[in-house]
């Protein structure tokens, strides 16, 4: 990519045609005064054991509040139980 210049000519641009499918939907988020927000686990989507060398680590696929299922993350089960004990009751 070093031979490609990061310069373009204005004549190569085309006018944007508005398309309603390009608009992203979002849920309102409660921001704290320091512009942070609380993320909590919403539900467990999957559970699996991952092998790491000679250990087996239980993992959970977590869907977080204010995020879709596509944005779910894999978390270590013991870390989730320590960080969010009320979630597992």
N, C-alpha and C. Protein backbone atom coordinates (compact mmCIF):
# COMPACT_ATOMS: atom_id res chain seq x y z
N UNK A 1 0.82 -1.20 0.00
CA UNK A 1 0.00 0.00 0.00
C UNK A 1 0.86 1.26 0.00
N UNK A 2 2.14 1.13 0.14
CA UNK A 2 2.99 2.32 0.17
C UNK A 2 3.02 3.01 -1.18
N UNK A 3 2.69 2.28 -2.25
CA UNK A 3 2.70 2.90 -3.58
C UNK A 3 1.39 3.62 -3.89
N UNK A 4 0.38 3.48 -3.03
CA UNK A 4 -0.91 4.14 -3.24
C UNK A 4 -0.91 5.46 -2.47
N UNK A 5 -1.21 6.53 -3.16
CA UNK A 5 -1.23 7.85 -2.53
C UNK A 5 -2.58 8.09 -1.86
N UNK A 6 -2.58 8.80 -0.75
CA UNK A 6 -3.83 9.10 -0.06
C UNK A 6 -4.41 10.42 -0.54
N UNK A 7 -4.32 10.66 -1.83
CA UNK A 7 -4.83 11.88 -2.44
C UNK A 7 -5.87 11.48 -3.48
N UNK A 8 -6.97 12.23 -3.55
CA UNK A 8 -7.98 11.95 -4.56
C UNK A 8 -8.37 13.27 -5.22
N UNK A 9 -8.95 13.15 -6.39
CA UNK A 9 -9.38 14.33 -7.12
C UNK A 9 -10.88 14.51 -6.92
N UNK A 10 -11.30 15.75 -6.76
CA UNK A 10 -12.70 16.07 -6.50
C UNK A 10 -13.60 15.55 -7.62
N UNK A 11 -13.12 15.50 -8.84
CA UNK A 11 -13.95 15.03 -9.96
C UNK A 11 -14.28 13.54 -9.82
N UNK A 12 -13.56 12.80 -8.98
CA UNK A 12 -13.84 11.38 -8.78
C UNK A 12 -14.98 11.15 -7.80
N UNK A 13 -15.43 12.19 -7.11
CA UNK A 13 -16.50 12.06 -6.13
C UNK A 13 -17.87 12.07 -6.80
N UNK A 14 -18.82 11.36 -6.18
CA UNK A 14 -20.20 11.37 -6.65
C UNK A 14 -21.10 11.89 -5.55
N UNK A 15 -22.22 12.49 -5.92
CA UNK A 15 -23.16 13.03 -4.95
C UNK A 15 -23.81 11.88 -4.18
N UNK A 16 -24.00 12.07 -2.88
CA UNK A 16 -24.65 11.07 -2.03
C UNK A 16 -26.15 11.10 -2.27
N UNK A 17 -26.72 9.93 -2.47
CA UNK A 17 -28.17 9.80 -2.63
C UNK A 17 -28.71 9.25 -1.32
N UNK A 18 -29.61 9.99 -0.69
CA UNK A 18 -30.14 9.60 0.62
C UNK A 18 -30.87 8.27 0.52
N UNK A 19 -30.66 7.42 1.52
CA UNK A 19 -31.30 6.12 1.57
C UNK A 19 -31.70 5.87 3.02
N UNK A 20 -33.00 5.66 3.30
CA UNK A 20 -33.44 5.46 4.68
C UNK A 20 -32.79 4.26 5.37
N UNK A 21 -32.34 3.27 4.61
CA UNK A 21 -31.71 2.10 5.23
C UNK A 21 -30.32 2.42 5.79
N UNK A 22 -29.78 3.58 5.45
CA UNK A 22 -28.47 3.98 5.97
C UNK A 22 -28.56 4.61 7.35
N UNK A 23 -29.76 4.88 7.81
CA UNK A 23 -29.95 5.52 9.12
C UNK A 23 -29.87 4.45 10.21
N UNK A 24 -29.03 4.66 11.19
CA UNK A 24 -28.88 3.71 12.29
C UNK A 24 -29.86 4.04 13.41
N UNK A 25 -30.51 2.99 13.92
CA UNK A 25 -31.41 3.18 15.07
C UNK A 25 -30.59 3.00 16.33
N UNK A 26 -30.90 3.78 17.33
CA UNK A 26 -30.19 3.65 18.60
C UNK A 26 -31.15 3.87 19.75
N UNK A 27 -30.82 3.27 20.86
CA UNK A 27 -31.60 3.44 22.08
C UNK A 27 -30.97 4.58 22.88
N UNK A 28 -31.78 5.40 23.53
CA UNK A 28 -31.20 6.46 24.36
C UNK A 28 -30.43 5.85 25.53
N UNK A 29 -29.29 6.44 25.84
CA UNK A 29 -28.42 5.93 26.90
C UNK A 29 -28.35 6.98 28.01
N UNK A 30 -28.48 6.53 29.27
CA UNK A 30 -28.35 7.43 30.41
C UNK A 30 -26.87 7.69 30.67
N UNK A 31 -26.42 8.89 30.44
CA UNK A 31 -25.02 9.24 30.67
C UNK A 31 -24.84 9.83 32.06
N UNK A 32 -23.74 9.48 32.68
CA UNK A 32 -23.36 10.06 33.97
C UNK A 32 -22.77 11.45 33.72
N UNK A 33 -22.59 12.26 34.76
CA UNK A 33 -22.00 13.59 34.56
C UNK A 33 -20.61 13.56 33.92
N UNK A 34 -19.85 12.47 34.14
CA UNK A 34 -18.52 12.38 33.53
C UNK A 34 -18.57 11.69 32.16
N UNK A 35 -19.76 11.63 31.55
CA UNK A 35 -20.01 11.09 30.21
C UNK A 35 -19.71 9.60 30.09
N UNK A 36 -19.88 8.84 31.16
CA UNK A 36 -19.77 7.39 31.12
C UNK A 36 -21.16 6.81 31.32
N UNK A 37 -21.32 5.52 31.04
CA UNK A 37 -22.59 4.86 31.29
C UNK A 37 -22.33 3.45 31.81
N UNK A 38 -23.29 2.95 32.55
CA UNK A 38 -23.19 1.64 33.18
C UNK A 38 -23.59 0.56 32.19
N UNK A 39 -22.72 -0.41 31.99
CA UNK A 39 -23.06 -1.57 31.16
C UNK A 39 -23.25 -2.76 32.08
N UNK A 40 -24.37 -3.41 31.93
CA UNK A 40 -24.63 -4.60 32.73
C UNK A 40 -25.01 -5.74 31.80
N UNK A 41 -24.75 -6.97 32.21
CA UNK A 41 -25.14 -8.10 31.36
C UNK A 41 -26.65 -8.22 31.31
N UNK A 42 -27.17 -8.46 30.13
CA UNK A 42 -28.61 -8.58 29.95
C UNK A 42 -29.04 -10.05 29.93
N UNK A 43 -28.32 -10.86 29.14
CA UNK A 43 -28.64 -12.29 29.12
C UNK A 43 -27.44 -13.08 28.60
N UNK A 44 -27.46 -14.37 28.93
CA UNK A 44 -26.42 -15.29 28.48
C UNK A 44 -26.92 -15.94 27.20
N UNK A 45 -26.16 -15.78 26.12
CA UNK A 45 -26.56 -16.33 24.83
C UNK A 45 -26.01 -17.73 24.60
N UNK A 46 -24.83 -18.01 25.15
CA UNK A 46 -24.21 -19.32 24.95
C UNK A 46 -23.21 -19.58 26.06
N UNK A 47 -22.89 -20.85 26.22
CA UNK A 47 -21.89 -21.25 27.21
C UNK A 47 -21.02 -22.31 26.56
N UNK A 48 -19.71 -22.19 26.74
CA UNK A 48 -18.82 -23.19 26.16
C UNK A 48 -17.54 -23.27 26.98
N UNK A 49 -16.91 -24.42 26.93
CA UNK A 49 -15.63 -24.61 27.61
C UNK A 49 -14.52 -24.51 26.58
N UNK A 50 -13.56 -23.63 26.84
CA UNK A 50 -12.44 -23.46 25.93
C UNK A 50 -11.19 -24.07 26.55
N UNK A 51 -10.46 -24.78 25.72
CA UNK A 51 -9.25 -25.45 26.18
C UNK A 51 -8.06 -24.52 25.99
N UNK A 52 -7.31 -24.29 27.08
CA UNK A 52 -6.12 -23.45 27.03
C UNK A 52 -4.98 -24.24 27.65
N UNK A 53 -4.10 -24.72 26.80
CA UNK A 53 -3.00 -25.60 27.23
C UNK A 53 -3.57 -26.80 27.98
N UNK A 54 -3.34 -26.88 29.28
CA UNK A 54 -3.82 -28.05 30.02
C UNK A 54 -5.02 -27.71 30.91
N UNK A 55 -5.64 -26.55 30.69
CA UNK A 55 -6.80 -26.14 31.50
C UNK A 55 -8.02 -25.97 30.61
N UNK A 56 -9.17 -26.15 31.21
CA UNK A 56 -10.44 -25.87 30.53
C UNK A 56 -11.08 -24.68 31.22
N UNK A 57 -11.42 -23.65 30.44
CA UNK A 57 -11.97 -22.42 31.00
C UNK A 57 -13.42 -22.28 30.55
N UNK A 58 -14.37 -22.21 31.50
CA UNK A 58 -15.77 -21.99 31.11
C UNK A 58 -15.99 -20.54 30.67
N UNK A 59 -16.57 -20.38 29.49
CA UNK A 59 -16.81 -19.05 28.92
C UNK A 59 -18.31 -18.86 28.69
N UNK A 60 -18.74 -17.60 28.80
CA UNK A 60 -20.13 -17.23 28.56
C UNK A 60 -20.18 -16.18 27.47
N UNK A 61 -21.14 -16.32 26.56
CA UNK A 61 -21.37 -15.27 25.56
C UNK A 61 -22.47 -14.37 26.13
N UNK A 62 -22.10 -13.12 26.43
CA UNK A 62 -22.98 -12.20 27.14
C UNK A 62 -23.49 -11.11 26.20
N UNK A 63 -24.81 -10.90 26.25
CA UNK A 63 -25.39 -9.73 25.58
C UNK A 63 -25.51 -8.64 26.64
N UNK A 64 -24.97 -7.48 26.35
CA UNK A 64 -24.94 -6.37 27.30
C UNK A 64 -26.11 -5.43 27.04
N UNK A 65 -26.51 -4.68 28.08
CA UNK A 65 -27.57 -3.69 27.90
C UNK A 65 -27.10 -2.64 26.91
N UNK A 66 -28.00 -2.09 26.16
CA UNK A 66 -27.73 -1.07 25.14
C UNK A 66 -26.95 -1.61 23.95
N UNK A 67 -26.86 -2.94 23.80
CA UNK A 67 -26.15 -3.54 22.67
C UNK A 67 -26.99 -4.66 22.07
N UNK A 68 -26.78 -4.93 20.79
CA UNK A 68 -27.51 -5.99 20.11
C UNK A 68 -26.82 -7.33 20.33
N UNK A 69 -27.47 -8.41 19.87
CA UNK A 69 -26.87 -9.74 19.99
C UNK A 69 -25.60 -9.85 19.17
N UNK A 70 -25.52 -9.12 18.07
CA UNK A 70 -24.30 -9.16 17.24
C UNK A 70 -23.09 -8.63 17.99
N UNK A 71 -23.32 -7.77 18.96
CA UNK A 71 -22.22 -7.16 19.71
C UNK A 71 -21.91 -7.91 21.01
N UNK A 72 -22.46 -9.11 21.17
CA UNK A 72 -22.22 -9.90 22.38
C UNK A 72 -20.75 -10.28 22.47
N UNK A 73 -20.25 -10.43 23.70
CA UNK A 73 -18.84 -10.75 23.91
C UNK A 73 -18.70 -12.03 24.71
N UNK A 74 -17.58 -12.72 24.50
CA UNK A 74 -17.25 -13.91 25.29
C UNK A 74 -16.50 -13.45 26.52
N UNK A 75 -16.97 -13.88 27.69
CA UNK A 75 -16.36 -13.51 28.97
C UNK A 75 -16.09 -14.76 29.79
N UNK A 76 -15.07 -14.70 30.63
CA UNK A 76 -14.76 -15.81 31.53
C UNK A 76 -15.85 -15.87 32.61
N UNK A 77 -16.40 -17.06 32.81
CA UNK A 77 -17.54 -17.21 33.73
C UNK A 77 -17.20 -16.77 35.15
N UNK A 78 -16.02 -17.12 35.66
CA UNK A 78 -15.66 -16.74 37.03
C UNK A 78 -15.53 -15.22 37.18
N UNK A 79 -15.03 -14.54 36.14
CA UNK A 79 -14.94 -13.07 36.19
C UNK A 79 -16.32 -12.44 36.23
N UNK A 80 -17.25 -13.01 35.47
CA UNK A 80 -18.62 -12.49 35.45
C UNK A 80 -19.30 -12.70 36.80
N UNK A 81 -19.06 -13.84 37.43
CA UNK A 81 -19.66 -14.11 38.74
C UNK A 81 -19.11 -13.18 39.81
N UNK A 82 -17.83 -12.82 39.70
CA UNK A 82 -17.24 -11.87 40.65
C UNK A 82 -17.74 -10.46 40.40
N UNK A 83 -17.79 -10.06 39.14
CA UNK A 83 -18.17 -8.69 38.81
C UNK A 83 -19.65 -8.41 38.89
N UNK A 84 -20.48 -9.42 38.62
CA UNK A 84 -21.94 -9.24 38.59
C UNK A 84 -22.62 -10.38 39.35
N UNK A 85 -22.43 -10.46 40.68
CA UNK A 85 -23.00 -11.58 41.44
C UNK A 85 -24.53 -11.63 41.39
N UNK A 86 -25.20 -10.50 41.30
CA UNK A 86 -26.67 -10.48 41.26
C UNK A 86 -27.22 -11.08 39.97
N UNK A 87 -26.43 -11.05 38.92
CA UNK A 87 -26.86 -11.57 37.62
C UNK A 87 -27.05 -13.09 37.66
N UNK A 88 -26.33 -13.77 38.54
CA UNK A 88 -26.37 -15.23 38.59
C UNK A 88 -27.30 -15.78 39.66
N UNK A 89 -28.06 -14.93 40.34
CA UNK A 89 -28.99 -15.40 41.38
C UNK A 89 -30.28 -15.87 40.77
